Amino acid sequence: MAATRVDVGIDCADVDAQARFWSAALGYERSGSWEQYLTLLAPAGVSGPKLVLQQVPEAKPQSKNRLHLDVIVGDDVDGEVERLIGLGARRLSDAFEEAGTRWVVMADPEGNEFCVCRS
C-alpha cells in the first residue's frame, strides 16, 4: 500500500522554542505533545505536512542538511527573509535564481536549513 500522507520530523534541542519559531514562520498551530514530541499542523483549510518536533540530546551535525523544507512565498522573497530573521532565523546565502525561481537558504534558530522560495 502506498503512503497516504507525509509528516516532517525536525530534531530539536528545545521543542518549545522551535514550536514558537515554526508556528510564527508558517502560521501553523500546536496540535499536541507527548513526552519528547510536539506536533504542529497547518491551519484549517490550508494544505501542508504535519511537523513533528522531537527533542533529542545530540547537537545538530555541522554538515549540510540532506533534507530540508522549502517555504514557498509570493514574489517578495526578500521581505519574507527579513520577517523570518526577525523571528530568529539566519540567512545563509545570497539569493539564487535558477529555472525560473528565486530562493534564499536560511537556518532556523537551531541551525536546521530551509529555503525561502518564490512561488
Protein backbone atom coordinates (compact mmCIF):
# COMPACT_ATOMS: atom_id res chain seq x y z
CA MET A 1 0.00 0.00 0.00
CA ALA A 2 1.33 3.46 -0.90
CA ALA A 3 1.74 6.17 1.73
CA THR A 4 -1.27 8.43 2.13
CA ARG A 5 0.46 11.27 3.98
CA VAL A 6 3.91 12.63 4.68
CA ASP A 7 4.85 14.12 8.05
CA VAL A 8 8.11 16.02 8.53
CA GLY A 9 10.19 15.39 11.66
CA ILE A 10 12.58 18.02 12.98
CA ASP A 11 15.10 17.11 15.68
CA CYS A 12 15.38 19.86 18.33
CA ALA A 13 17.23 20.73 21.50
CA ASP A 14 14.32 22.96 22.63
CA VAL A 15 10.97 21.89 21.16
CA ASP A 16 9.07 24.81 22.70
CA ALA A 17 11.38 27.41 21.15
CA GLN A 18 11.30 25.62 17.80
CA ALA A 19 7.49 25.38 18.01
CA ARG A 20 7.27 29.14 18.57
CA PHE A 21 9.54 29.79 15.57
CA TRP A 22 7.85 27.39 13.11
CA SER A 23 4.33 28.38 14.25
CA ALA A 24 5.10 32.03 13.59
CA ALA A 25 7.04 31.31 10.39
CA LEU A 26 4.36 29.12 8.78
CA GLY A 27 1.16 30.10 10.57
CA TYR A 28 0.96 26.54 11.93
CA GLU A 29 -0.86 25.69 15.15
CA ARG A 30 0.16 23.46 18.05
CA SER A 31 -1.79 20.23 17.94
CA GLY A 32 -0.47 18.39 20.95
CA SER A 33 2.57 16.94 22.62
CA TRP A 34 3.66 13.68 24.16
CA GLU A 35 6.91 13.12 26.01
CA GLN A 36 9.67 14.49 23.73
CA TYR A 37 7.33 15.19 20.76
CA LEU A 38 5.35 18.30 19.85
CA THR A 39 3.10 18.42 16.78
CA LEU A 40 2.29 21.43 14.58
CA LEU A 41 -0.47 21.43 11.97
CA ALA A 42 -1.34 23.72 9.09
CA PRO A 43 -4.34 25.94 9.87
CA ALA A 44 -7.80 24.66 8.94
CA GLY A 45 -8.38 24.85 5.19
CA VAL A 46 -4.67 25.01 4.35
CA SER A 47 -2.80 22.05 2.93
CA GLY A 48 0.57 21.23 4.44
CA PRO A 49 2.51 18.46 6.13
CA LYS A 50 2.33 17.83 9.86
CA LEU A 51 5.55 18.93 11.56
CA VAL A 52 6.68 16.67 14.39
CA LEU A 53 9.27 18.35 16.59
CA GLN A 54 11.32 15.81 18.53
CA GLN A 55 13.61 16.72 21.40
CA VAL A 56 16.94 14.91 21.03
CA PRO A 57 20.07 15.00 23.23
CA GLU A 58 22.63 15.32 20.45
CA ALA A 59 23.56 18.58 18.72
CA LYS A 60 22.90 19.16 15.03
CA PRO A 61 25.84 17.92 12.94
CA GLN A 62 27.83 20.69 11.27
CA SER A 63 27.24 19.22 7.82
CA LYS A 64 24.59 20.41 5.37
CA ASN A 65 21.07 19.01 5.81
CA ARG A 66 20.24 16.21 3.39
CA LEU A 67 16.52 17.03 3.68
CA HIS A 68 15.05 20.49 4.15
CA LEU A 69 11.81 22.44 3.95
CA ASP A 70 11.07 24.82 1.08
CA VAL A 71 8.89 27.67 2.36
CA ILE A 72 7.02 28.86 -0.72
CA VAL A 73 6.04 32.55 -0.75
CA GLY A 74 4.80 35.00 -3.34
CA ASP A 75 7.16 37.33 -5.18
CA ASP A 76 8.51 39.04 -2.02
CA VAL A 77 11.26 36.58 -1.11
CA ASP A 78 13.38 39.36 0.45
CA GLY A 79 10.50 40.61 2.60
CA GLU A 80 9.82 37.09 3.89
CA VAL A 81 13.53 36.54 4.57
CA GLU A 82 13.57 39.71 6.70
CA ARG A 83 10.40 38.66 8.55
CA LEU A 84 11.92 35.26 9.35
CA ILE A 85 15.17 36.88 10.52
CA GLY A 86 13.01 38.91 12.91
CA LEU A 87 11.66 35.61 14.28
CA GLY A 88 15.15 34.23 14.91
CA ALA A 89 16.20 32.67 11.59
CA ARG A 90 19.59 33.32 9.98
CA ARG A 91 20.29 33.95 6.32
CA LEU A 92 22.89 31.51 4.98
CA SER A 93 23.15 32.57 1.32
CA ASP A 94 22.62 35.28 -1.20
CA ALA A 95 19.57 34.83 -3.42
CA PHE A 96 19.81 32.16 -6.12
CA GLU A 97 17.95 32.42 -9.44
CA GLU A 98 17.58 29.28 -11.49
CA ALA A 99 14.96 27.55 -13.64
CA GLY A 100 12.51 30.43 -13.28
CA THR A 101 12.53 30.61 -9.50
CA ARG A 102 14.37 32.53 -6.80
CA TRP A 103 15.34 31.32 -3.32
CA VAL A 104 17.45 32.08 -0.27
CA VAL A 105 18.93 29.44 2.05
CA MET A 106 18.10 30.09 5.71
CA ALA A 107 18.56 28.37 9.08
CA ASP A 108 16.03 28.15 11.90
CA PRO A 109 17.14 29.14 15.44
CA GLU A 110 18.78 25.71 15.96
CA GLY A 111 20.59 25.71 12.61
CA ASN A 112 18.24 23.46 10.57
CA GLU A 113 18.42 24.64 6.98
CA PHE A 114 15.40 25.61 4.89
CA CYS A 115 14.82 27.67 1.76
CA VAL A 116 12.51 30.61 1.15
CA CYS A 117 11.34 30.28 -2.46
CA ARG A 118 9.30 32.35 -4.89
CA SER A 119 6.14 30.55 -5.92
